[in-house]
Amino acid sequence: MFLNLPDLSPHVFSQDDSPTYWYEGVCPETGHLLRLPRTALAEAIAQHLMDELAQDEQFSQEGKMYGILLVATPAGELGVLKAFSGLLAGKEQVEGWVPPIPGRDRIALEENLTLTALNTIRDEILTLQQLPERKELAEQSQKFEQQLQQLLQNHRQSKEQRRLQRESLASHNSEDTVAIILQELEEQSRREGIERRNLKRQRDAVLHPLRRIVAAADQRILELKQQRKTLSRQLQWQMHKSYCLTNFAGTSLPLQQVIPAGIMPTGTGDCCAPKLLHYAATHQLKPLAMAEFWWGSPSPNGTRLPGVFYGACQERCQPLMGFLLSGLSDLHGASLSAISFSKANSASAPAAPIELSILYEDAFLLAVNKPAGLLSVPGRGSDRQDSILARLQWELGWLSLFPVHRLDQDTSGVLLLAKNRDAYCHLSRQFQQQQVNKVYEAILVGTLAVAAGMIDLPLWGDPSDRPYQKVDWQRGRPSQTKFQVLNRKDNLTRVAFYPLTGRTHQLRVHAAAPQGLGMPILGDRLYAPTTSPAQRLHLHAKALAFLHPQSGQPMLLEAPLPF
């Protein structure tokens, strides 16, 4: 399968074809950083494909990634491959599109059996989630709660009336009369207590059986979800063992050997980039540029929008890039090619001389004190390639580096990178399982009255207003931060932040939002552009505590405060 170049207008070929993004990876054989660009021409070809997709409504119903690869034949002719991620209209192979990576047919029977079992589990979970007892429990709980609240209100009024009666007794009645009335009031109080207890017993008699049924159903759902997870992982393991990738050096390996460490996410190998590069490598086609975009309804979490270009996904595609791009040194003479093959030409020189301070280094780890204003890793677009990672690769020659976490561009402090994939997987698990302790310091605009506390807010990023994050109780993801005031001076408050989660801009939103501290971080141009003028964001990642991935020994890395 080879597609002819689309009929594009002449101005497309005459425009600036400088890269707008790099697909890159470290060659496992040579250690060289290999790069394949997304260019203006590739984007124009992708736009042509978008126009075709827009003419058929079925493509707009299901959101997914699509991609094109501009290639050259051995004869020097240009052509285009196109691919979709996962399935298209329920099919994994569609005429005119690059086929899936081979190997899945070898486990077709096991896959069908597993999918049948997964469907059975799905149906049982759905049945358990829709138990009529759930609705009855909710309705009865609400009914009894209303009855109890009404009864409590009535009894509070009765209690107040009894108090007033007691206060007026002594001045208008004899001692004997007072004693009789007090006894009657006490009896009334006891009767009301009995009435409340009877209502609660009646409530418990109705609700407890329903709760037992619902609790048993919930426990069964947990068991089914664990079974589903186990079956899915087994299927993925079989698929990853059967999938066979080929690179431009002619090397073919099962997916499991390409990524030997850790558990691969579901869908690894089903994305556009691996499909396109594998097909090109097995058909003697030279890749010149690639572009991937989202089409159809936005992704459920709102991070993918139709018509927008995206780079290689960090979880599934990026770990494959080094292997897939291996062997591209044969492409030096290809027209339109902007591919790099060694450290000497693998990245643009840094835009501005910012000294990097190494906090710690051994055979497995590297920690730097990231300065404010510099990205942790390259971003989207040719103007956002300068970063800590790019500088380390360019200036110091550390090509095989894996950033374990990120710091915002405007945040300074401890940034941790792994020197091999095993260390990266080990450290990533610590971050995911919240086993890493992080300490930040910040200066807030205002005088914070409370000395310490916890902020617990759901944060959501509006795809149409990136990178801005906000509190959203319906769509937001949980985020928690502990804080402690260190000192107060001149209408400024220095605080220590201890984030328990790692959402985008979490500390900045927790500080600035009215539902949080209601005081922006000094110098925050995004969340308080007019109230906190300063040369930089006064937020610093002061310390990071974790277990060493090789020795298991506790590690504490600290970066000195710059403000």
Protein backbone atom coordinates (compact mmCIF):
# COMPACT_ATOMS: atom_id res chain seq x y z
CA MET A 1 0.00 0.00 0.00
CA PHE A 2 1.44 3.34 -1.10
CA LEU A 3 -0.57 6.52 -1.48
CA ASN A 4 0.25 9.17 -4.03
CA LEU A 5 1.01 12.69 -2.84
CA PRO A 6 -2.27 14.64 -2.54
CA ASP A 7 -2.97 17.33 -5.11
CA LEU A 8 -1.78 20.29 -3.08
CA SER A 9 -1.56 23.86 -4.34
CA PRO A 10 1.92 25.02 -5.45
CA HIS A 11 2.29 27.54 -2.59
CA VAL A 12 2.39 24.65 -0.12
CA PHE A 13 5.72 23.48 -1.50
CA SER A 14 7.20 26.97 -1.61
CA GLN A 15 6.47 27.86 2.02
CA ASP A 16 8.97 27.74 4.87
CA ASP A 17 9.43 24.06 5.72
CA SER A 18 11.21 24.52 9.04
CA PRO A 19 10.26 22.00 11.75
CA THR A 20 7.37 22.82 14.06
CA TYR A 21 7.94 19.74 16.23
CA TRP A 22 10.44 16.89 16.52
CA TYR A 23 9.68 13.20 16.90
CA GLU A 24 12.82 11.98 18.62
CA GLY A 25 14.36 9.08 20.45
CA VAL A 26 17.73 7.66 21.45
CA CYS A 27 19.00 4.83 19.25
CA PRO A 28 19.44 1.77 21.52
CA GLU A 29 22.45 0.64 19.47
CA THR A 30 24.48 3.84 19.01
CA GLY A 31 23.16 6.10 21.77
CA HIS A 32 22.63 8.87 19.20
CA LEU A 33 19.59 11.09 19.34
CA LEU A 34 17.52 10.57 16.20
CA ARG A 35 14.89 13.08 15.10
CA LEU A 36 12.11 13.23 12.53
CA PRO A 37 10.37 16.58 12.01
CA ARG A 38 6.83 17.72 11.66
CA THR A 39 7.05 20.46 9.05
CA ALA A 40 4.77 23.01 7.43
CA LEU A 41 4.51 20.72 4.39
CA ALA A 42 3.52 17.75 6.56
CA GLU A 43 0.91 19.90 8.29
CA ALA A 44 -0.45 21.04 4.92
CA ILE A 45 -0.77 17.42 3.79
CA ALA A 46 -2.48 16.58 7.08
CA GLN A 47 -4.85 19.50 6.54
CA HIS A 48 -5.71 18.02 3.16
CA LEU A 49 -6.59 14.76 4.96
CA MET A 50 -8.73 16.72 7.46
CA ASP A 51 -10.66 18.19 4.53
CA GLU A 52 -11.34 14.66 3.28
CA LEU A 53 -12.45 13.49 6.73
CA ALA A 54 -14.78 16.47 7.06
CA GLN A 55 -16.72 15.31 4.00
CA ASP A 56 -17.78 12.06 5.71
CA GLU A 57 -19.83 12.43 8.88
CA GLN A 58 -18.75 9.04 10.26
CA PHE A 59 -15.27 10.42 10.93
CA SER A 60 -16.72 13.20 13.10
CA GLN A 61 -18.66 10.83 15.36
CA GLU A 62 -15.68 9.05 16.93
CA GLY A 63 -12.73 11.06 18.19
CA LYS A 64 -9.29 9.61 17.49
CA MET A 65 -5.76 10.42 16.32
CA TYR A 66 -4.87 10.38 12.63
CA GLY A 67 -1.45 10.74 11.07
CA ILE A 68 0.41 11.14 7.80
CA LEU A 69 4.00 10.29 6.91
CA LEU A 70 5.72 12.00 3.99
CA VAL A 71 8.10 9.48 2.42
CA ALA A 72 10.44 9.00 -0.51
CA THR A 73 10.61 5.83 -2.59
CA PRO A 74 13.92 4.22 -3.58
CA ALA A 75 13.42 5.96 -6.94
CA GLY A 76 13.23 9.35 -5.24
CA GLU A 77 9.50 9.91 -5.72
CA LEU A 78 7.47 11.47 -2.92
CA GLY A 79 4.42 9.84 -1.42
CA VAL A 80 2.21 9.87 1.64
CA LEU A 81 1.13 7.18 4.08
CA LYS A 82 -1.87 7.72 6.34
CA ALA A 83 -2.92 5.91 9.52
CA PHE A 84 -5.51 5.96 12.28
CA SER A 85 -5.06 4.97 15.90
CA GLY A 86 -6.78 1.86 17.23
CA LEU A 87 -9.85 0.87 15.21
CA LEU A 88 -11.76 2.79 12.55
CA ALA A 89 -15.51 2.11 12.62
CA GLY A 90 -14.74 -1.09 14.55
CA LYS A 91 -12.19 -2.32 11.98
CA GLU A 92 -8.45 -2.59 12.48
CA GLN A 93 -7.69 -2.75 8.75
CA VAL A 94 -9.28 -0.38 6.21
CA GLU A 95 -8.40 -0.08 2.54
CA GLY A 96 -6.22 2.92 1.80
CA TRP A 97 -4.83 3.12 5.32
CA VAL A 98 -1.65 1.66 6.78
CA PRO A 99 -2.43 -1.78 8.30
CA PRO A 100 -1.89 -2.59 11.98
CA ILE A 101 1.46 -3.83 13.18
CA PRO A 102 1.62 -7.58 12.38
CA GLY A 103 1.24 -10.26 15.01
CA ARG A 104 -2.27 -9.70 16.28
CA ASP A 105 -3.66 -12.43 14.02
CA ARG A 106 -1.54 -15.00 15.88
CA ILE A 107 -3.59 -14.56 19.04
CA ALA A 108 -6.99 -14.05 17.38
CA LEU A 109 -8.60 -16.97 19.28
CA GLU A 110 -7.21 -15.87 22.66
CA GLU A 111 -8.25 -12.31 21.92
CA ASN A 112 -11.81 -13.31 21.05
CA LEU A 113 -12.14 -15.41 24.21
CA THR A 114 -10.76 -12.61 26.34
CA LEU A 115 -13.00 -10.01 24.72
CA THR A 116 -16.01 -12.26 25.32
CA ALA A 117 -15.05 -12.58 28.98
CA LEU A 118 -14.53 -8.82 29.22
CA ASN A 119 -17.96 -8.19 27.71
CA THR A 120 -19.52 -10.60 30.23
CA ILE A 121 -17.79 -8.75 33.06
CA ARG A 122 -18.94 -5.42 31.65
CA ASP A 123 -22.55 -6.60 31.50
CA GLU A 124 -22.45 -7.93 35.07
CA ILE A 125 -20.96 -4.69 36.36
CA LEU A 126 -23.66 -2.73 34.56
CA THR A 127 -26.36 -4.95 36.09
CA LEU A 128 -24.90 -4.52 39.57
CA GLN A 129 -24.64 -0.76 39.11
CA GLN A 130 -28.31 -0.61 38.12
CA LEU A 131 -29.68 -2.73 40.98
CA PRO A 132 -33.19 -1.55 41.95
CA GLU A 133 -32.07 -1.71 45.60
CA ARG A 134 -29.69 1.20 44.92
CA LYS A 135 -32.56 3.47 43.92
CA GLU A 136 -34.70 2.21 46.79
CA LEU A 137 -31.85 2.80 49.24
CA ALA A 138 -31.39 6.36 48.00
CA GLU A 139 -35.11 7.11 48.15
CA GLN A 140 -35.62 5.55 51.59
CA SER A 141 -32.50 7.26 52.96
CA GLN A 142 -33.77 10.61 51.76
CA LYS A 143 -37.26 9.96 53.18
CA PHE A 144 -36.00 8.97 56.63
CA GLU A 145 -33.50 11.82 56.67
CA GLN A 146 -36.29 14.30 55.99
CA GLN A 147 -38.48 12.71 58.68
CA LEU A 148 -35.65 12.76 61.20
CA GLN A 149 -34.75 16.37 60.46
CA GLN A 150 -38.39 17.42 60.81
CA LEU A 151 -38.69 15.51 64.08
CA LEU A 152 -35.48 17.08 65.39
CA GLN A 153 -36.75 20.52 64.50
CA ASN A 154 -40.04 19.85 66.33
CA HIS A 155 -38.19 18.56 69.35
CA ARG A 156 -35.85 21.56 69.40
CA GLN A 157 -38.91 23.80 69.49
CA SER A 158 -40.43 21.70 72.30
CA LYS A 159 -37.16 21.87 74.22
CA GLU A 160 -37.12 25.65 73.93
CA GLN A 161 -40.72 25.83 75.14
CA ARG A 162 -39.84 23.65 78.15
CA ARG A 163 -36.92 25.91 78.96
CA LEU A 164 -39.18 28.95 78.96
CA GLN A 165 -41.71 27.12 81.14
CA ARG A 166 -39.03 26.22 83.67
CA GLU A 167 -37.87 29.83 83.87
CA SER A 168 -41.38 31.09 84.61
CA LEU A 169 -42.38 28.38 87.11
CA ALA A 170 -40.84 29.69 90.32
CA SER A 171 -42.49 33.10 90.24
CA HIS A 172 -46.06 31.94 89.65
CA ASN A 173 -46.51 28.52 91.31
CA SER A 174 -46.11 26.75 94.63
CA GLU A 175 -43.31 24.29 95.21
CA ASP A 176 -45.64 21.30 94.84
CA THR A 177 -47.02 22.62 91.57
CA VAL A 178 -43.52 23.32 90.32
CA ALA A 179 -42.45 19.76 91.12
CA ILE A 180 -45.41 18.29 89.26
CA ILE A 181 -44.87 20.48 86.20
CA LEU A 182 -41.13 19.73 86.13
CA GLN A 183 -41.89 16.02 86.25
CA GLU A 184 -44.29 16.42 83.33
CA LEU A 185 -41.65 18.33 81.37
CA GLU A 186 -39.04 15.63 82.04
CA GLU A 187 -41.52 12.98 80.95
CA GLN A 188 -42.20 14.91 77.75
CA SER A 189 -38.46 15.06 77.09
CA ARG A 190 -38.15 11.28 77.61
CA ARG A 191 -41.08 10.62 75.26
CA GLU A 192 -39.43 12.71 72.55
CA GLY A 193 -36.16 10.81 73.02
CA ILE A 194 -38.07 7.53 72.66
CA GLU A 195 -39.77 8.89 69.54
CA ARG A 196 -36.39 9.70 67.95
CA ARG A 197 -34.95 6.30 68.83
CA ASN A 198 -38.02 4.54 67.44
CA LEU A 199 -37.70 6.44 64.16
CA LYS A 200 -34.01 5.53 63.92
CA ARG A 201 -34.79 1.87 64.63
CA GLN A 202 -37.47 1.95 61.95
CA ARG A 203 -34.98 3.57 59.57
CA ASP A 204 -32.28 1.00 60.31
CA ALA A 205 -34.73 -1.88 59.87
CA VAL A 206 -35.49 -0.65 56.36
CA LEU A 207 -32.04 0.58 55.31
CA HIS A 208 -29.70 -2.08 56.73
CA PRO A 209 -30.93 -4.92 54.45
CA LEU A 210 -30.67 -2.60 51.44
CA ARG A 211 -27.19 -1.50 52.46
CA ARG A 212 -26.07 -5.11 52.79
CA ILE A 213 -27.29 -5.85 49.27
CA VAL A 214 -25.61 -2.73 47.85
CA ALA A 215 -22.38 -3.38 49.77
CA ALA A 216 -22.26 -6.94 48.45
CA ALA A 217 -22.86 -5.63 44.93
CA ASP A 218 -20.08 -3.04 45.35
CA GLN A 219 -17.70 -5.71 46.59
CA ARG A 220 -18.57 -7.87 43.60
CA ILE A 221 -17.96 -4.90 41.29
CA LEU A 222 -14.50 -4.44 42.80
CA GLU A 223 -13.76 -8.13 42.22
CA LEU A 224 -15.02 -7.91 38.64
CA LYS A 225 -12.94 -4.81 37.95
CA GLN A 226 -9.86 -6.61 39.25
CA GLN A 227 -10.69 -9.58 37.00
CA ARG A 228 -11.13 -7.18 34.10
CA LYS A 229 -7.81 -5.54 34.85
CA THR A 230 -6.07 -8.92 35.03
CA LEU A 231 -7.64 -10.14 31.79
CA SER A 232 -6.80 -6.89 30.01
CA ARG A 233 -3.19 -7.09 31.15
CA GLN A 234 -2.95 -10.72 30.07
CA LEU A 235 -4.33 -9.83 26.66
CA GLN A 236 -1.98 -6.87 26.35
CA TRP A 237 0.93 -9.08 27.39
CA GLN A 238 0.01 -11.60 24.68
CA MET A 239 -0.39 -8.84 22.11
CA HIS A 240 2.88 -7.14 23.06
CA LYS A 241 4.61 -10.51 22.85
CA SER A 242 3.12 -11.12 19.40
CA TYR A 243 3.47 -7.61 17.94
CA CYS A 244 6.70 -7.33 15.97
CA LEU A 245 8.22 -3.93 15.14
CA THR A 246 10.81 -3.34 12.42
CA ASN A 247 13.08 -0.29 12.23
CA PHE A 248 15.13 1.28 9.44
CA ALA A 249 18.20 -0.69 10.44
CA GLY A 250 16.28 -3.83 9.48
CA THR A 251 15.98 -5.03 13.08
CA SER A 252 12.71 -6.74 14.05
CA LEU A 253 11.78 -7.24 17.70
CA PRO A 254 8.66 -8.14 19.67
CA LEU A 255 7.16 -5.15 21.41
CA GLN A 256 8.09 -6.65 24.78
CA GLN A 257 11.77 -6.56 23.88
CA VAL A 258 11.57 -2.99 22.62
CA ILE A 259 10.16 -1.89 26.01
CA PRO A 260 11.34 -4.61 28.40
CA ALA A 261 10.84 -2.71 31.67
CA GLY A 262 7.53 -1.98 33.35
CA ILE A 263 3.95 -2.53 32.25
CA MET A 264 3.09 -1.04 28.88
CA PRO A 265 -0.13 0.94 28.71
CA THR A 266 -3.09 -0.52 26.86
CA GLY A 267 -2.88 0.32 23.17
CA THR A 268 0.92 0.50 22.90
CA GLY A 269 1.74 -0.11 19.25
CA ASP A 270 -1.74 0.85 18.01
CA CYS A 271 -1.02 4.58 17.60
CA CYS A 272 -0.40 6.28 14.26
CA ALA A 273 3.33 6.94 14.56
CA PRO A 274 4.41 3.31 15.22
CA LYS A 275 2.12 2.07 12.42
CA LEU A 276 3.49 4.59 9.92
CA LEU A 277 7.16 4.12 10.77
CA HIS A 278 6.92 0.32 10.86
CA TYR A 279 5.19 0.26 7.48
CA ALA A 280 7.76 2.59 5.94
CA ALA A 281 10.65 0.55 7.33
CA THR A 282 9.25 -2.71 5.94
CA HIS A 283 8.58 -1.22 2.48
CA GLN A 284 11.90 0.52 1.84
CA LEU A 285 10.38 4.00 2.17
CA LYS A 286 12.39 6.90 3.55
CA PRO A 287 10.49 9.05 6.08
CA LEU A 288 10.86 12.79 5.55
CA ALA A 289 8.28 14.32 7.88
CA MET A 290 5.31 13.21 9.96
CA ALA A 291 2.24 14.92 11.43
CA GLU A 292 -0.47 13.63 13.79
CA PHE A 293 -3.74 15.33 14.65
CA TRP A 294 -7.01 14.69 16.45
CA TRP A 295 -10.30 14.46 14.53
CA GLY A 296 -13.88 13.89 15.63
CA SER A 297 -15.42 14.61 19.01
CA PRO A 298 -12.99 15.91 21.66
CA SER A 299 -11.38 13.37 23.95
CA PRO A 300 -13.35 12.62 27.16
CA ASN A 301 -10.84 14.49 29.35
CA GLY A 302 -10.80 17.47 27.00
CA THR A 303 -7.08 17.26 26.22
CA ARG A 304 -7.56 16.44 22.52
CA LEU A 305 -9.45 18.76 20.18
CA PRO A 306 -10.36 18.23 16.50
CA GLY A 307 -8.00 19.76 13.96
CA VAL A 308 -5.17 20.29 16.46
CA PHE A 309 -1.70 18.78 15.90
CA TYR A 310 -0.14 16.75 18.71
CA GLY A 311 3.25 15.16 19.27
CA ALA A 312 4.12 11.61 20.26
CA CYS A 313 2.18 10.55 23.36
CA GLN A 314 4.55 10.11 26.30
CA GLU A 315 3.06 6.84 27.56
CA ARG A 316 2.70 4.74 24.39
CA CYS A 317 4.66 6.21 21.48
CA GLN A 318 7.63 8.04 22.94
CA PRO A 319 9.23 4.90 24.46
CA LEU A 320 9.21 3.31 20.97
CA MET A 321 10.75 6.22 19.06
CA GLY A 322 14.40 5.41 19.67
CA PHE A 323 13.99 1.90 18.26
CA LEU A 324 11.68 2.86 15.38
CA LEU A 325 13.95 5.66 14.14
CA SER A 326 17.09 3.51 14.33
CA GLY A 327 18.83 3.14 10.98
CA LEU A 328 17.89 6.57 9.67
CA SER A 329 21.55 7.39 9.00
CA ASP A 330 20.91 6.05 5.49
CA LEU A 331 18.64 9.03 4.78
CA HIS A 332 21.24 11.82 4.61
CA GLY A 333 20.54 12.52 0.96
CA ALA A 334 16.75 12.49 1.07
CA SER A 335 15.11 15.66 -0.21
CA LEU A 336 13.06 17.68 2.27
CA SER A 337 14.67 15.67 5.07
CA ALA A 338 15.46 17.47 8.30
CA ILE A 339 16.40 14.38 10.27
CA SER A 340 19.38 14.47 12.64
CA PHE A 341 21.62 11.50 13.33
CA SER A 342 24.17 12.42 15.97
CA LYS A 343 24.84 14.60 18.94
CA ALA A 344 26.62 17.13 16.75
CA ASN A 345 23.50 18.06 14.79
CA SER A 346 20.74 16.67 16.98
CA ALA A 347 19.42 19.91 18.44
CA SER A 348 19.48 23.62 17.98
CA ALA A 349 21.89 25.48 20.20
CA PRO A 350 20.29 26.93 23.33
CA ALA A 351 18.66 30.29 22.79
CA ALA A 352 20.21 31.98 25.82
CA PRO A 353 23.07 31.02 28.15
CA ILE A 354 21.44 29.89 31.39
CA GLU A 355 23.83 28.00 33.65
CA LEU A 356 22.61 24.62 34.87
CA SER A 357 23.47 23.65 38.44
CA ILE A 358 23.87 19.89 39.00
CA LEU A 359 22.53 18.94 42.44
CA TYR A 360 23.26 15.20 42.29
CA GLU A 361 24.53 12.64 39.81
CA ASP A 362 25.32 8.94 39.79
CA ALA A 363 25.04 6.11 37.27
CA PHE A 364 21.25 6.07 37.58
CA LEU A 365 20.10 9.59 38.43
CA LEU A 366 20.68 13.20 37.55
CA ALA A 367 19.14 16.10 39.46
CA VAL A 368 19.46 19.74 38.44
CA ASN A 369 18.37 23.04 39.94
CA LYS A 370 16.03 24.24 37.20
CA PRO A 371 16.08 28.01 36.74
CA ALA A 372 12.83 29.93 36.37
CA GLY A 373 11.88 30.69 32.77
CA LEU A 374 13.24 27.48 31.22
CA LEU A 375 11.05 24.55 30.16
CA SER A 376 11.66 21.14 31.71
CA VAL A 377 11.24 19.34 28.36
CA PRO A 378 10.71 20.61 24.80
CA GLY A 379 7.21 21.87 24.09
CA ARG A 380 5.10 22.12 20.96
CA GLY A 381 6.38 24.41 18.25
CA SER A 382 9.87 25.35 17.09
CA ASP A 383 9.95 28.28 19.53
CA ARG A 384 9.57 26.00 22.56
CA GLN A 385 12.39 23.51 22.01
CA ASP A 386 14.88 25.08 24.45
CA SER A 387 14.62 23.20 27.74
CA ILE A 388 16.53 21.52 30.54
CA LEU A 389 16.45 18.22 28.64
CA ALA A 390 17.64 19.79 25.37
CA ARG A 391 20.47 21.65 27.12
CA LEU A 392 21.69 18.56 28.93
CA GLN A 393 21.67 16.64 25.66
CA TRP A 394 23.33 19.46 23.74
CA GLU A 395 25.88 20.84 26.18
CA LEU A 396 26.80 17.81 28.27
CA GLY A 397 26.16 14.92 25.90
CA TRP A 398 23.65 13.06 28.08
CA LEU A 399 21.46 11.73 25.29
CA SER A 400 19.79 8.92 27.23
CA LEU A 401 17.83 10.90 29.82
CA PHE A 402 14.26 10.39 31.00
CA PRO A 403 12.53 13.24 32.87
CA VAL A 404 10.69 11.66 35.80
CA HIS A 405 8.48 14.69 36.49
CA ARG A 406 7.99 18.27 35.31
CA LEU A 407 8.22 21.75 36.77
CA ASP A 408 6.29 24.66 35.28
CA GLN A 409 8.38 26.92 33.07
CA ASP A 410 8.18 29.75 35.64
CA THR A 411 9.00 27.49 38.62
CA SER A 412 12.57 26.88 39.79
CA GLY A 413 14.05 24.08 41.86
CA VAL A 414 14.81 20.36 42.00
CA LEU A 415 14.20 18.51 38.72
CA LEU A 416 14.90 14.77 38.63
CA LEU A 417 15.90 12.75 35.55
CA ALA A 418 16.72 9.07 35.14
CA LYS A 419 19.68 7.81 33.12
CA ASN A 420 18.09 4.54 32.01
CA ARG A 421 14.62 3.13 31.52
CA ASP A 422 14.71 0.83 34.57
CA ALA A 423 15.46 3.75 36.86
CA TYR A 424 12.80 5.82 35.10
CA CYS A 425 10.12 3.13 35.61
CA HIS A 426 11.06 2.68 39.27
CA LEU A 427 10.94 6.41 40.00
CA SER A 428 7.76 6.92 37.98
CA ARG A 429 6.00 4.30 40.09
CA GLN A 430 7.05 6.16 43.24
CA PHE A 431 5.51 9.35 41.87
CA GLN A 432 2.33 7.57 40.75
CA GLN A 433 1.92 5.87 44.13
CA GLN A 434 2.52 9.16 45.99
CA GLN A 435 5.64 7.79 47.68
CA VAL A 436 7.67 10.91 46.83
CA ASN A 437 7.67 13.81 49.29
CA LYS A 438 7.86 17.25 47.68
CA VAL A 439 8.46 20.57 49.42
CA TYR A 440 7.92 23.93 47.73
CA GLU A 441 8.36 27.44 49.07
CA ALA A 442 6.40 30.42 47.80
CA ILE A 443 5.70 34.04 48.65
CA LEU A 444 2.03 34.99 48.63
CA VAL A 445 0.63 38.47 48.08
CA GLY A 446 -1.22 39.27 51.30
CA THR A 447 -1.15 38.33 54.96
CA LEU A 448 -2.44 34.80 55.49
CA ALA A 449 -4.25 34.52 58.83
CA VAL A 450 -4.23 30.73 59.29
CA ALA A 451 -0.96 29.06 60.27
CA ALA A 452 -1.41 25.75 58.44
CA GLY A 453 -3.98 23.58 56.75
CA MET A 454 -5.01 21.46 53.78
CA ILE A 455 -6.38 22.60 50.41
CA ASP A 456 -8.57 20.05 48.63
CA LEU A 457 -10.03 21.28 45.34
CA PRO A 458 -10.96 19.66 41.97
CA LEU A 459 -8.97 21.27 39.14
CA TRP A 460 -9.90 21.32 35.47
CA GLY A 461 -8.16 22.74 32.43
CA ASP A 462 -10.48 24.25 29.82
CA PRO A 463 -9.16 23.02 26.43
CA SER A 464 -10.17 26.34 24.87
CA ASP A 465 -8.24 28.37 27.46
CA ARG A 466 -4.92 26.61 27.89
CA PRO A 467 -2.85 26.48 30.02
CA TYR A 468 -5.24 28.11 32.51
CA GLN A 469 -6.60 25.79 35.21
CA LYS A 470 -9.60 26.44 37.42
CA VAL A 471 -11.69 24.93 40.19
CA ASP A 472 -14.52 22.87 38.70
CA TRP A 473 -16.63 20.68 40.97
CA GLN A 474 -18.19 18.71 38.08
CA ARG A 475 -15.25 18.10 35.71
CA GLY A 476 -12.23 18.67 37.92
CA ARG A 477 -9.72 16.08 39.11
CA PRO A 478 -8.91 15.86 42.83
CA SER A 479 -5.90 17.83 44.04
CA GLN A 480 -4.58 18.18 47.58
CA THR A 481 -1.91 20.42 49.08
CA LYS A 482 -0.81 20.85 52.68
CA PHE A 483 0.58 24.26 53.60
CA GLN A 484 2.35 25.93 56.51
CA VAL A 485 3.09 29.62 57.07
CA LEU A 486 6.82 30.32 57.58
CA ASN A 487 6.70 34.08 58.13
CA ARG A 488 4.72 37.24 57.40
CA LYS A 489 6.20 40.59 56.42
CA ASP A 490 5.13 43.74 54.51
CA ASN A 491 1.80 42.28 53.37
CA LEU A 492 3.59 39.18 52.05
CA THR A 493 3.42 35.65 53.43
CA ARG A 494 6.11 33.02 52.93
CA VAL A 495 4.63 29.52 52.93
CA ALA A 496 5.78 25.94 52.54
CA PHE A 497 3.66 23.80 50.22
CA TYR A 498 3.52 20.00 50.48
CA PRO A 499 1.59 18.78 47.40
CA LEU A 500 0.00 15.34 47.70
CA THR A 501 -1.02 15.29 44.03
CA GLY A 502 0.63 16.73 40.94
CA ARG A 503 -1.95 18.54 38.83
CA THR A 504 -0.97 21.20 36.32
CA HIS A 505 -0.51 24.58 38.07
CA GLN A 506 -1.83 22.98 41.27
CA LEU A 507 0.03 25.19 43.74
CA ARG A 508 -0.64 28.36 41.77
CA VAL A 509 -4.39 27.70 41.64
CA HIS A 510 -4.55 26.54 45.26
CA ALA A 511 -2.91 29.81 46.27
CA ALA A 512 -4.88 32.20 44.03
CA ALA A 513 -8.37 30.64 43.97
CA PRO A 514 -10.94 32.09 46.39
CA GLN A 515 -11.83 28.52 47.39
CA GLY A 516 -8.15 28.00 48.31
CA LEU A 517 -5.96 30.55 50.07
CA GLY A 518 -7.26 33.46 48.02
CA MET A 519 -3.76 34.93 47.74
CA PRO A 520 -1.78 34.61 44.49
CA ILE A 521 1.89 33.76 44.38
CA LEU A 522 4.05 36.83 43.91
CA GLY A 523 4.91 37.27 40.24
CA ASP A 524 2.16 34.98 38.90
CA ARG A 525 1.40 36.60 35.54
CA LEU A 526 -1.24 34.00 34.67
CA TYR A 527 -3.43 33.85 37.77
CA ALA A 528 -2.85 37.37 39.12
CA PRO A 529 -1.34 39.55 36.38
CA THR A 530 -2.24 42.86 38.05
CA THR A 531 -1.98 42.14 41.76
CA SER A 532 1.44 40.47 42.01
CA PRO A 533 3.98 42.29 39.79
CA ALA A 534 7.49 40.84 40.05
CA GLN A 535 10.33 39.77 37.78
CA ARG A 536 9.65 36.08 38.35
CA LEU A 537 7.18 33.66 39.88
CA HIS A 538 8.14 33.25 43.52
CA LEU A 539 7.61 29.49 43.59
CA HIS A 540 10.54 27.15 44.18
CA ALA A 541 10.76 23.34 44.37
CA LYS A 542 12.93 23.26 47.46
CA ALA A 543 13.24 19.55 48.25
CA LEU A 544 12.47 16.10 46.87
CA ALA A 545 12.58 12.90 48.96
CA PHE A 546 12.37 9.42 47.39
CA LEU A 547 13.99 5.99 47.34
CA HIS A 548 17.00 5.38 45.13
CA PRO A 549 15.88 3.12 42.23
CA GLN A 550 18.93 0.86 42.52
CA SER A 551 19.88 0.72 46.20
CA GLY A 552 16.50 1.50 47.75
CA GLN A 553 18.18 3.97 50.11
CA PRO A 554 16.27 7.15 51.07
CA MET A 555 17.36 10.19 49.07
CA LEU A 556 16.83 13.86 49.91
CA LEU A 557 17.71 16.43 47.25
CA GLU A 558 17.52 20.14 48.02
CA ALA A 559 17.92 23.28 45.93
CA PRO A 560 18.85 26.58 47.63
CA LEU A 561 16.18 29.28 47.70
CA PRO A 562 16.65 31.98 45.04
CA PHE A 563 14.37 34.51 46.79
